Protein backbone atom coordinates (compact mmCIF):
# COMPACT_ATOMS: atom_id res chain seq x y z
CA MET A 1 -9.53 -25.14 15.40
CA PHE A 2 -11.30 -21.83 15.92
CA LEU A 3 -10.43 -18.54 17.58
CA ALA A 4 -13.30 -16.75 19.28
CA ARG A 5 -12.94 -13.04 19.95
CA VAL A 6 -15.44 -12.30 22.70
CA TYR A 7 -16.62 -8.77 23.54
CA ILE A 8 -18.58 -8.22 26.76
CA THR A 9 -20.12 -4.83 27.49
CA LEU A 10 -22.48 -3.40 30.05
CA LYS A 11 -26.05 -3.04 28.88
CA PRO A 12 -26.89 0.54 27.85
CA THR A 13 -29.14 1.06 30.88
CA VAL A 14 -26.42 0.06 33.39
CA ASN A 15 -24.34 2.81 35.01
CA ASP A 16 -20.63 2.55 34.11
CA PRO A 17 -18.49 4.19 36.83
CA GLN A 18 -15.27 2.91 35.24
CA GLY A 19 -16.24 4.52 31.94
CA LEU A 20 -17.02 7.81 33.71
CA THR A 21 -13.63 7.74 35.45
CA ILE A 22 -11.83 7.08 32.16
CA ARG A 23 -13.76 9.90 30.47
CA GLY A 24 -12.78 12.29 33.30
CA ALA A 25 -9.12 11.30 32.97
CA LEU A 26 -9.22 11.80 29.20
CA HIS A 27 -10.72 15.26 29.70
CA ALA A 28 -7.96 16.06 32.21
CA LEU A 29 -5.39 15.04 29.57
CA GLY A 30 -6.91 17.49 27.10
CA PHE A 31 -9.17 15.12 25.15
CA THR A 32 -12.21 17.31 25.78
CA GLY A 33 -14.06 16.05 22.71
CA VAL A 34 -14.68 12.66 24.34
CA GLU A 35 -18.40 12.56 25.06
CA SER A 36 -18.67 9.14 26.68
CA VAL A 37 -16.73 5.97 27.45
CA ARG A 38 -18.13 2.49 28.10
CA ALA A 39 -15.68 -0.03 29.56
CA GLY A 40 -15.91 -3.73 28.82
CA LYS A 41 -14.01 -7.00 28.56
CA TYR A 42 -12.28 -8.66 25.64
CA MET A 43 -11.19 -12.31 25.51
CA GLU A 44 -9.63 -14.60 22.94
CA ILE A 45 -10.52 -18.27 23.29
CA ARG A 46 -9.13 -21.07 21.12
CA ILE A 47 -11.61 -23.90 20.65
CA ASP A 48 -11.11 -27.32 19.17
CA ALA A 49 -14.53 -28.10 17.70
CA PRO A 50 -15.63 -30.33 14.82
CA ASP A 51 -17.25 -27.45 12.89
CA ARG A 52 -18.24 -23.77 13.04
CA GLY A 53 -21.72 -24.50 14.36
CA ALA A 54 -20.37 -26.51 17.29
CA ALA A 55 -17.81 -23.80 18.08
CA GLU A 56 -20.50 -21.08 18.01
CA ALA A 57 -22.71 -23.13 20.32
CA GLN A 58 -19.84 -23.67 22.78
CA VAL A 59 -18.87 -19.98 22.87
CA THR A 60 -22.50 -18.94 23.35
CA GLU A 61 -22.86 -21.38 26.24
CA MET A 62 -19.58 -20.18 27.81
CA CYS A 63 -20.79 -16.58 27.68
CA ARG A 64 -24.22 -17.38 29.09
CA LYS A 65 -22.91 -19.62 31.90
CA LEU A 66 -19.72 -17.85 33.00
CA LEU A 67 -18.16 -15.07 30.97
CA ALA A 68 -21.03 -12.55 30.92
CA ASN A 69 -23.54 -11.62 33.60
CA PRO A 70 -26.84 -11.70 31.65
CA VAL A 71 -28.50 -9.31 34.09
CA ILE A 72 -26.15 -6.40 33.36
CA GLU A 73 -23.98 -7.41 30.38
CA ASP A 74 -24.36 -8.14 26.68
CA PHE A 75 -21.94 -10.22 24.64
CA ARG A 76 -21.00 -10.78 21.04
CA PHE A 77 -18.23 -12.72 19.40
CA GLU A 78 -16.42 -13.29 16.14
CA LEU A 79 -15.24 -16.74 15.14
CA GLU A 80 -12.22 -17.33 12.93
CA ASP A 81 -10.74 -20.53 11.53
CA VAL A 82 -7.12 -20.84 12.66
CA PRO A 83 -4.46 -23.40 11.83
CA VAL A 84 -3.71 -26.02 14.46
CA ARG A 85 -0.51 -25.24 16.35
CA ALA A 86 2.28 -27.76 16.02
């Protein structure tokens, strides 16, 4: 069993209105040192796969086919071995 921690972010060239709004709110709260904010998505996915290579291939395919929009988003993930739940 594996746990994939998936991070999806907008590509650097894509405008991030949510990040700009968050930055403005932080400034309004007195955090004036914040120069920029980029918003993204975080997911945890448990995968039953025979080995690490198969789990990595599955997560990559999930990201490419559904979780990330390849036109405007990048993705990365970390894979961890986890014990099987009883």
